Amino acid sequence: ASARAQSPNLISEDMIRAETVHYSKTAVVEMGEY
């Protein structure tokens, strides 16, 4: 049931990593034009 609920967003349980991670840089998804 959980996999079916999240399939429209192309997410499945095996794609989630709950452990603490270290990252150096992030970005926010914005709307734009091409």
PDB file of all heavy atoms in Angstrom:
ATOM      1  N   ALA A   1       0.839  -1.211   0.000  1.00  0.00           N
ATOM      2  CA  ALA A   1       0.000   0.000   0.000  1.00  0.00           C
ATOM      3  C   ALA A   1       0.859   1.239   0.000  1.00  0.00           C
ATOM      4  O   ALA A   1       0.558   2.232  -0.674  1.00  0.00           O
ATOM      5  CB  ALA A   1      -0.926  -0.027   1.231  1.00  0.00           C
ATOM      6  N   SER A   2       1.949   1.229   0.738  1.00  0.00           N
ATOM      7  CA  SER A   2       2.830   2.393   0.775  1.00  0.00           C
ATOM      8  C   SER A   2       3.465   2.648  -0.579  1.00  0.00           C
ATOM      9  O   SER A   2       3.565   3.775  -1.038  1.00  0.00           O
ATOM     10  CB  SER A   2       3.909   2.186   1.840  1.00  0.00           C
ATOM     11  OG  SER A   2       4.820   3.244   1.843  1.00  0.00           O
ATOM     12  N   ALA A   3       3.897   1.608  -1.275  1.00  0.00           N
ATOM     13  CA  ALA A   3       4.522   1.764  -2.591  1.00  0.00           C
ATOM     14  C   ALA A   3       3.527   2.298  -3.584  1.00  0.00           C
ATOM     15  O   ALA A   3       3.850   3.145  -4.403  1.00  0.00           O
ATOM     16  CB  ALA A   3       5.094   0.415  -3.049  1.00  0.00           C
ATOM     17  N   ARG A   4       2.284   1.808  -3.553  1.00  0.00           N
ATOM     18  CA  ARG A   4       1.266   2.307  -4.483  1.00  0.00           C
ATOM     19  C   ARG A   4       0.941   3.765  -4.232  1.00  0.00           C
ATOM     20  O   ARG A   4       0.693   4.537  -5.151  1.00  0.00           O
ATOM     21  CB  ARG A   4      -0.001   1.466  -4.355  1.00  0.00           C
ATOM     22  CG  ARG A   4       0.149   0.064  -4.916  1.00  0.00           C
ATOM     23  CD  ARG A   4      -1.136  -0.696  -4.779  1.00  0.00           C
ATOM     24  NE  ARG A   4      -1.000  -2.031  -5.355  1.00  0.00           N
ATOM     25  CZ  ARG A   4      -1.970  -2.960  -5.301  1.00  0.00           C
ATOM     26  NH1 ARG A   4      -3.117  -2.671  -4.680  1.00  0.00           N
ATOM     27  NH2 ARG A   4      -1.764  -4.140  -5.856  1.00  0.00           N
ATOM     28  N   ALA A   5       0.931   4.184  -2.968  1.00  0.00           N
ATOM     29  CA  ALA A   5       0.581   5.577  -2.664  1.00  0.00           C
ATOM     30  C   ALA A   5       1.639   6.522  -3.162  1.00  0.00           C
ATOM     31  O   ALA A   5       1.340   7.649  -3.551  1.00  0.00           O
ATOM     32  CB  ALA A   5       0.409   5.730  -1.141  1.00  0.00           C
ATOM     33  N   GLN A   6       2.921   6.104  -3.169  1.00  0.00           N
ATOM     34  CA  GLN A   6       3.971   7.023  -3.558  1.00  0.00           C
ATOM     35  C   GLN A   6       4.431   6.831  -4.999  1.00  0.00           C
ATOM     36  O   GLN A   6       5.313   7.542  -5.458  1.00  0.00           O
ATOM     37  CB  GLN A   6       5.177   6.848  -2.630  1.00  0.00           C
ATOM     38  CG  GLN A   6       4.831   7.193  -1.169  1.00  0.00           C
ATOM     39  CD  GLN A   6       6.067   7.310  -0.336  1.00  0.00           C
ATOM     40  OE1 GLN A   6       7.121   7.683  -0.833  1.00  0.00           O
ATOM     41  NE2 GLN A   6       5.962   7.004   0.945  1.00  0.00           N
ATOM     42  N   SER A   7       3.877   5.903  -5.748  1.00  0.00           N
ATOM     43  CA  SER A   7       4.336   5.659  -7.113  1.00  0.00           C
ATOM     44  C   SER A   7       4.157   6.835  -8.044  1.00  0.00           C
ATOM     45  O   SER A   7       4.981   7.039  -8.933  1.00  0.00           O
ATOM     46  CB  SER A   7       3.618   4.427  -7.690  1.00  0.00           C
ATOM     47  OG  SER A   7       2.209   4.644  -7.688  1.00  0.00           O
ATOM     48  N   PRO A   8       3.105   7.704  -7.887  1.00  0.00           N
ATOM     49  CA  PRO A   8       3.028   8.863  -8.787  1.00  0.00           C
ATOM     50  C   PRO A   8       4.226   9.788  -8.668  1.00  0.00           C
ATOM     51  O   PRO A   8       4.548  10.513  -9.587  1.00  0.00           O
ATOM     52  CB  PRO A   8       1.722   9.542  -8.357  1.00  0.00           C
ATOM     53  CG  PRO A   8       0.911   8.455  -7.738  1.00  0.00           C
ATOM     54  CD  PRO A   8       1.902   7.571  -7.047  1.00  0.00           C
ATOM     55  N   ASN A   9       4.886   9.834  -7.517  1.00  0.00           N
ATOM     56  CA  ASN A   9       6.058  10.687  -7.352  1.00  0.00           C
ATOM     57  C   ASN A   9       7.346   9.958  -7.690  1.00  0.00           C
ATOM     58  O   ASN A   9       8.425  10.448  -7.400  1.00  0.00           O
ATOM     59  CB  ASN A   9       6.126  11.190  -5.901  1.00  0.00           C
ATOM     60  CG  ASN A   9       5.002  12.154  -5.596  1.00  0.00           C
ATOM     61  OD1 ASN A   9       4.566  12.888  -6.476  1.00  0.00           O
ATOM     62  ND2 ASN A   9       4.525  12.138  -4.351  1.00  0.00           N
ATOM     63  N   LEU A  10       7.216   8.776  -8.251  1.00  0.00           N
ATOM     64  CA  LEU A  10       8.373   7.982  -8.653  1.00  0.00           C
ATOM     65  C   LEU A  10       9.284   7.647  -7.473  1.00  0.00           C
ATOM     66  O   LEU A  10      10.506   7.609  -7.596  1.00  0.00           O
ATOM     67  CB  LEU A  10       9.174   8.718  -9.741  1.00  0.00           C
ATOM     68  CG  LEU A  10       8.387   9.141 -10.978  1.00  0.00           C
ATOM     69  CD1 LEU A  10       9.306   9.840 -11.953  1.00  0.00           C
ATOM     70  CD2 LEU A  10       7.729   7.944 -11.642  1.00  0.00           C
ATOM     71  N   ILE A  11       8.696   7.457  -6.269  1.00  0.00           N
ATOM     72  CA  ILE A  11       9.464   7.133  -5.053  1.00  0.00           C
ATOM     73  C   ILE A  11       9.044   5.751  -4.567  1.00  0.00           C
ATOM     74  O   ILE A  11       7.861   5.420  -4.553  1.00  0.00           O
ATOM     75  CB  ILE A  11       9.224   8.156  -3.931  1.00  0.00           C
ATOM     76  CG1 ILE A  11       9.511   9.581  -4.441  1.00  0.00           C
ATOM     77  CG2 ILE A  11      10.088   7.853  -2.707  1.00  0.00           C
ATOM     78  CD1 ILE A  11       9.143  10.630  -3.445  1.00  0.00           C
ATOM     79  N   SER A  12       9.966   4.959  -4.167  1.00  0.00           N
ATOM     80  CA  SER A  12       9.680   3.682  -3.517  1.00  0.00           C
ATOM     81  C   SER A  12      10.489   3.587  -2.233  1.00  0.00           C
ATOM     82  O   SER A  12      11.427   4.348  -2.015  1.00  0.00           O
ATOM     83  CB  SER A  12       9.989   2.519  -4.458  1.00  0.00           C
ATOM     84  OG  SER A  12      11.360   2.538  -4.795  1.00  0.00           O
ATOM     85  N   GLU A  13      10.102   2.649  -1.364  1.00  0.00           N
ATOM     86  CA  GLU A  13      10.725   2.543  -0.047  1.00  0.00           C
ATOM     87  C   GLU A  13      12.227   2.280  -0.125  1.00  0.00           C
ATOM     88  O   GLU A  13      12.992   2.739   0.710  1.00  0.00           O
ATOM     89  CB  GLU A  13      10.038   1.424   0.748  1.00  0.00           C
ATOM     90  CG  GLU A  13       8.596   1.736   1.129  1.00  0.00           C
ATOM     91  CD  GLU A  13       8.494   2.848   2.150  1.00  0.00           C
ATOM     92  OE1 GLU A  13       9.486   3.086   2.867  1.00  0.00           O
ATOM     93  OE2 GLU A  13       7.451   3.505   2.212  1.00  0.00           O
ATOM     94  N   ASP A  14      12.629   1.557  -1.141  1.00  0.00           N
ATOM     95  CA  ASP A  14      14.053   1.222  -1.225  1.00  0.00           C
ATOM     96  C   ASP A  14      14.909   2.390  -1.669  1.00  0.00           C
ATOM     97  O   ASP A  14      16.126   2.279  -1.731  1.00  0.00           O
ATOM     98  CB  ASP A  14      14.266   0.033  -2.164  1.00  0.00           C
ATOM     99  CG  ASP A  14      13.774   0.344  -3.558  1.00  0.00           C
ATOM    100  OD1 ASP A  14      13.100   1.376  -3.729  1.00  0.00           O
ATOM    101  OD2 ASP A  14      14.060  -0.453  -4.478  1.00  0.00           O
ATOM    102  N   MET A  15      14.237   3.527  -2.020  1.00  0.00           N
ATOM    103  CA  MET A  15      15.010   4.711  -2.411  1.00  0.00           C
ATOM    104  C   MET A  15      15.258   5.646  -1.230  1.00  0.00           C
ATOM    105  O   MET A  15      15.848   6.706  -1.393  1.00  0.00           O
ATOM    106  CB  MET A  15      14.273   5.481  -3.515  1.00  0.00           C
ATOM    107  CG  MET A  15      14.034   4.688  -4.763  1.00  0.00           C
ATOM    108  SD  MET A  15      13.097   5.633  -5.951  1.00  0.00           S
ATOM    109  CE  MET A  15      12.691   4.339  -7.126  1.00  0.00           C
ATOM    110  N   ILE A  16      14.750   5.322  -0.074  1.00  0.00           N
ATOM    111  CA  ILE A  16      14.876   6.199   1.098  1.00  0.00           C
ATOM    112  C   ILE A  16      16.007   5.678   1.973  1.00  0.00           C
ATOM    113  O   ILE A  16      16.034   4.499   2.348  1.00  0.00           O
ATOM    114  CB  ILE A  16      13.562   6.249   1.894  1.00  0.00           C
ATOM    115  CG1 ILE A  16      12.426   6.770   1.004  1.00  0.00           C
ATOM    116  CG2 ILE A  16      13.715   7.110   3.134  1.00  0.00           C
ATOM    117  CD1 ILE A  16      11.080   6.754   1.687  1.00  0.00           C
ATOM    118  N   ARG A  17      16.931   6.585   2.289  1.00  0.00           N
ATOM    119  CA  ARG A  17      18.008   6.233   3.205  1.00  0.00           C
ATOM    120  C   ARG A  17      17.854   7.122   4.428  1.00  0.00           C
ATOM    121  O   ARG A  17      18.012   8.351   4.357  1.00  0.00           O
ATOM    122  CB  ARG A  17      19.384   6.460   2.558  1.00  0.00           C
ATOM    123  CG  ARG A  17      19.614   5.631   1.315  1.00  0.00           C
ATOM    124  CD  ARG A  17      21.105   5.361   1.099  1.00  0.00           C
ATOM    125  NE  ARG A  17      21.886   6.579   1.169  1.00  0.00           N
ATOM    126  CZ  ARG A  17      22.215   7.300   0.075  1.00  0.00           C
ATOM    127  NH1 ARG A  17      21.792   6.917  -1.111  1.00  0.00           N
ATOM    128  NH2 ARG A  17      22.956   8.374   0.217  1.00  0.00           N
ATOM    129  N   ALA A  18      17.507   6.534   5.549  1.00  0.00           N
ATOM    130  CA  ALA A  18      17.189   7.314   6.753  1.00  0.00           C
ATOM    131  C   ALA A  18      18.427   7.669   7.560  1.00  0.00           C
ATOM    132  O   ALA A  18      18.356   8.485   8.470  1.00  0.00           O
ATOM    133  CB  ALA A  18      16.192   6.548   7.634  1.00  0.00           C
ATOM    134  N   GLU A  19      19.584   7.069   7.223  1.00  0.00           N
ATOM    135  CA  GLU A  19      20.763   7.328   8.037  1.00  0.00           C
ATOM    136  C   GLU A  19      21.229   8.770   7.848  1.00  0.00           C
ATOM    137  O   GLU A  19      20.921   9.420   6.863  1.00  0.00           O
ATOM    138  CB  GLU A  19      21.896   6.346   7.666  1.00  0.00           C
ATOM    139  CG  GLU A  19      22.492   6.563   6.284  1.00  0.00           C
ATOM    140  CD  GLU A  19      21.738   5.761   5.248  1.00  0.00           C
ATOM    141  OE1 GLU A  19      20.623   5.276   5.561  1.00  0.00           O
ATOM    142  OE2 GLU A  19      22.264   5.630   4.128  1.00  0.00           O
ATOM    143  N   THR A  20      21.957   9.248   8.800  1.00  0.00           N
ATOM    144  CA  THR A  20      22.483  10.599   8.741  1.00  0.00           C
ATOM    145  C   THR A  20      23.575  10.664   7.683  1.00  0.00           C
ATOM    146  O   THR A  20      24.444   9.795   7.625  1.00  0.00           O
ATOM    147  CB  THR A  20      23.053  11.025  10.098  1.00  0.00           C
ATOM    148  OG1 THR A  20      22.021  10.914  11.073  1.00  0.00           O
ATOM    149  CG2 THR A  20      23.574  12.455  10.041  1.00  0.00           C
ATOM    150  N   VAL A  21      23.531  11.684   6.786  1.00  0.00           N
ATOM    151  CA  VAL A  21      24.506  11.817   5.714  1.00  0.00           C
ATOM    152  C   VAL A  21      25.154  13.175   5.785  1.00  0.00           C
ATOM    153  O   VAL A  21      24.649  14.107   6.421  1.00  0.00           O
ATOM    154  CB  VAL A  21      23.821  11.629   4.338  1.00  0.00           C
ATOM    155  CG1 VAL A  21      23.266  10.223   4.214  1.00  0.00           C
ATOM    156  CG2 VAL A  21      22.710  12.654   4.157  1.00  0.00           C
ATOM    157  N   HIS A  22      26.298  13.269   5.152  1.00  0.00           N
ATOM    158  CA  HIS A  22      27.008  14.539   5.067  1.00  0.00           C
ATOM    159  C   HIS A  22      26.983  15.014   3.615  1.00  0.00           C
ATOM    160  O   HIS A  22      27.294  14.244   2.705  1.00  0.00           O
ATOM    161  CB  HIS A  22      28.451  14.364   5.549  1.00  0.00           C
ATOM    162  CG  HIS A  22      28.547  13.950   6.991  1.00  0.00           C
ATOM    163  ND1 HIS A  22      28.395  14.830   8.029  1.00  0.00           N
ATOM    164  CD2 HIS A  22      28.755  12.717   7.545  1.00  0.00           C
ATOM    165  CE1 HIS A  22      28.522  14.176   9.183  1.00  0.00           C
ATOM    166  NE2 HIS A  22      28.734  12.881   8.894  1.00  0.00           N
ATOM    167  N   TYR A  23      26.616  16.228   3.388  1.00  0.00           N
ATOM    168  CA  TYR A  23      26.563  16.801   2.042  1.00  0.00           C
ATOM    169  C   TYR A  23      27.155  18.202   2.086  1.00  0.00           C
ATOM    170  O   TYR A  23      27.125  18.868   3.120  1.00  0.00           O
ATOM    171  CB  TYR A  23      25.124  16.846   1.523  1.00  0.00           C
ATOM    172  CG  TYR A  23      24.147  17.492   2.486  1.00  0.00           C
ATOM    173  CD1 TYR A  23      23.935  18.869   2.480  1.00  0.00           C
ATOM    174  CD2 TYR A  23      23.464  16.715   3.417  1.00  0.00           C
ATOM    175  CE1 TYR A  23      23.057  19.454   3.373  1.00  0.00           C
ATOM    176  CE2 TYR A  23      22.577  17.296   4.305  1.00  0.00           C
ATOM    177  CZ  TYR A  23      22.379  18.670   4.281  1.00  0.00           C
ATOM    178  OH  TYR A  23      21.516  19.247   5.157  1.00  0.00           O
ATOM    179  N   SER A  24      27.706  18.614   0.964  1.00  0.00           N
ATOM    180  CA  SER A  24      28.412  19.897   0.940  1.00  0.00           C
ATOM    181  C   SER A  24      27.582  21.028   0.332  1.00  0.00           C
ATOM    182  O   SER A  24      27.785  22.188   0.671  1.00  0.00           O
ATOM    183  CB  SER A  24      29.726  19.755   0.146  1.00  0.00           C
ATOM    184  OG  SER A  24      29.431  19.317  -1.178  1.00  0.00           O
ATOM    185  N   LYS A  25      26.666  20.702  -0.565  1.00  0.00           N
ATOM    186  CA  LYS A  25      25.930  21.776  -1.234  1.00  0.00           C
ATOM    187  C   LYS A  25      24.564  21.274  -1.652  1.00  0.00           C
ATOM    188  O   LYS A  25      24.418  20.132  -2.117  1.00  0.00           O
ATOM    189  CB  LYS A  25      26.707  22.270  -2.454  1.00  0.00           C
ATOM    190  CG  LYS A  25      26.137  23.534  -3.070  1.00  0.00           C
ATOM    191  CD  LYS A  25      27.044  24.050  -4.176  1.00  0.00           C
ATOM    192  CE  LYS A  25      26.520  25.358  -4.757  1.00  0.00           C
ATOM    193  NZ  LYS A  25      27.377  25.863  -5.851  1.00  0.00           N
ATOM    194  N   THR A  26      23.563  22.153  -1.506  1.00  0.00           N
ATOM    195  CA  THR A  26      22.200  21.818  -1.909  1.00  0.00           C
ATOM    196  C   THR A  26      21.655  22.922  -2.793  1.00  0.00           C
ATOM    197  O   THR A  26      22.236  24.001  -2.911  1.00  0.00           O
ATOM    198  CB  THR A  26      21.290  21.655  -0.684  1.00  0.00           C
ATOM    199  OG1 THR A  26      21.235  22.915   0.014  1.00  0.00           O
ATOM    200  CG2 THR A  26      21.783  20.565   0.230  1.00  0.00           C
ATOM    201  N   ALA A  27      20.512  22.622  -3.410  1.00  0.00           N
ATOM    202  CA  ALA A  27      19.800  23.607  -4.229  1.00  0.00           C
ATOM    203  C   ALA A  27      18.311  23.363  -4.076  1.00  0.00           C
ATOM    204  O   ALA A  27      17.873  22.250  -3.766  1.00  0.00           O
ATOM    205  CB  ALA A  27      20.212  23.490  -5.698  1.00  0.00           C
ATOM    206  N   VAL A  28      17.538  24.410  -4.286  1.00  0.00           N
ATOM    207  CA  VAL A  28      16.087  24.341  -4.172  1.00  0.00           C
ATOM    208  C   VAL A  28      15.490  24.310  -5.570  1.00  0.00           C
ATOM    209  O   VAL A  28      15.879  25.099  -6.444  1.00  0.00           O
ATOM    210  CB  VAL A  28      15.531  25.547  -3.384  1.00  0.00           C
ATOM    211  CG1 VAL A  28      14.007  25.498  -3.332  1.00  0.00           C
ATOM    212  CG2 VAL A  28      16.106  25.543  -1.971  1.00  0.00           C
ATOM    213  N   VAL A  29      14.572  23.392  -5.788  1.00  0.00           N
ATOM    214  CA  VAL A  29      13.908  23.276  -7.086  1.00  0.00           C
ATOM    215  C   VAL A  29      13.041  24.507  -7.321  1.00  0.00           C
ATOM    216  O   VAL A  29      12.198  24.859  -6.485  1.00  0.00           O
ATOM    217  CB  VAL A  29      13.062  21.997  -7.162  1.00  0.00           C
ATOM    218  CG1 VAL A  29      12.330  21.925  -8.495  1.00  0.00           C
ATOM    219  CG2 VAL A  29      13.941  20.772  -6.948  1.00  0.00           C
ATOM    220  N   GLU A  30      13.247  25.185  -8.451  1.00  0.00           N
ATOM    221  CA  GLU A  30      12.494  26.391  -8.779  1.00  0.00           C
ATOM    222  C   GLU A  30      11.789  26.210 -10.117  1.00  0.00           C
ATOM    223  O   GLU A  30      12.132  25.341 -10.927  1.00  0.00           O
ATOM    224  CB  GLU A  30      13.446  27.598  -8.864  1.00  0.00           C
ATOM    225  CG  GLU A  30      14.174  27.895  -7.564  1.00  0.00           C
ATOM    226  CD  GLU A  30      15.134  29.065  -7.720  1.00  0.00           C
ATOM    227  OE1 GLU A  30      15.397  29.453  -8.891  1.00  0.00           O
ATOM    228  OE2 GLU A  30      15.623  29.561  -6.696  1.00  0.00           O
ATOM    229  N   MET A  31      10.793  27.041 -10.333  1.00  0.00           N
ATOM    230  CA  MET A  31      10.102  27.081 -11.625  1.00  0.00           C
ATOM    231  C   MET A  31      10.827  28.057 -12.554  1.00  0.00           C
ATOM    232  O   MET A  31      11.296  29.107 -12.123  1.00  0.00           O
ATOM    233  CB  MET A  31       8.644  27.511 -11.459  1.00  0.00           C
ATOM    234  CG  MET A  31       7.824  26.585 -10.588  1.00  0.00           C
ATOM    235  SD  MET A  31       7.684  24.920 -11.294  1.00  0.00           S
ATOM    236  CE  MET A  31       6.693  25.262 -12.753  1.00  0.00           C
ATOM    237  N   GLY A  32      10.896  27.721 -13.821  1.00  0.00           N
ATOM    238  CA  GLY A  32      11.569  28.598 -14.775  1.00  0.00           C
ATOM    239  C   GLY A  32      11.109  28.314 -16.194  1.00  0.00           C
ATOM    240  O   GLY A  32      10.072  27.679 -16.413  1.00  0.00           O
ATOM    241  N   GLU A  33      11.887  28.773 -17.127  1.00  0.00           N
ATOM    242  CA  GLU A  33      11.595  28.558 -18.543  1.00  0.00           C
ATOM    243  C   GLU A  33      12.865  28.111 -19.251  1.00  0.00           C
ATOM    244  O   GLU A  33      13.973  28.320 -18.745  1.00  0.00           O
ATOM    245  CB  GLU A  33      11.040  29.823 -19.202  1.00  0.00           C
ATOM    246  CG  GLU A  33      11.995  30.988 -19.201  1.00  0.00           C
ATOM    247  CD  GLU A  33      11.405  32.219 -19.852  1.00  0.00           C
ATOM    248  OE1 GLU A  33      10.178  32.285 -20.024  1.00  0.00           O
ATOM    249  OE2 GLU A  33      12.198  33.131 -20.198  1.00  0.00           O
ATOM    250  N   TYR A  34      12.661  27.498 -20.391  1.00  0.00           N
ATOM    251  CA  TYR A  34      13.787  26.967 -21.157  1.00  0.00           C
ATOM    252  C   TYR A  34      13.715  27.496 -22.574  1.00  0.00           C
ATOM    253  O   TYR A  34      12.660  27.458 -23.227  1.00  0.00           O
ATOM    254  CB  TYR A  34      13.730  25.438 -21.190  1.00  0.00           C
ATOM    255  CG  TYR A  34      14.742  24.825 -22.130  1.00  0.00           C
ATOM    256  CD1 TYR A  34      16.054  24.622 -21.741  1.00  0.00           C
ATOM    257  CD2 TYR A  34      14.374  24.458 -23.418  1.00  0.00           C
ATOM    258  CE1 TYR A  34      16.981  24.055 -22.597  1.00  0.00           C
ATOM    259  CE2 TYR A  34      15.288  23.887 -24.284  1.00  0.00           C
ATOM    260  CZ  TYR A  34      16.595  23.689 -23.873  1.00  0.00           C
ATOM    261  OH  TYR A  34      17.499  23.137 -24.734  1.00  0.00           O
TER     262      TYR A  34
END
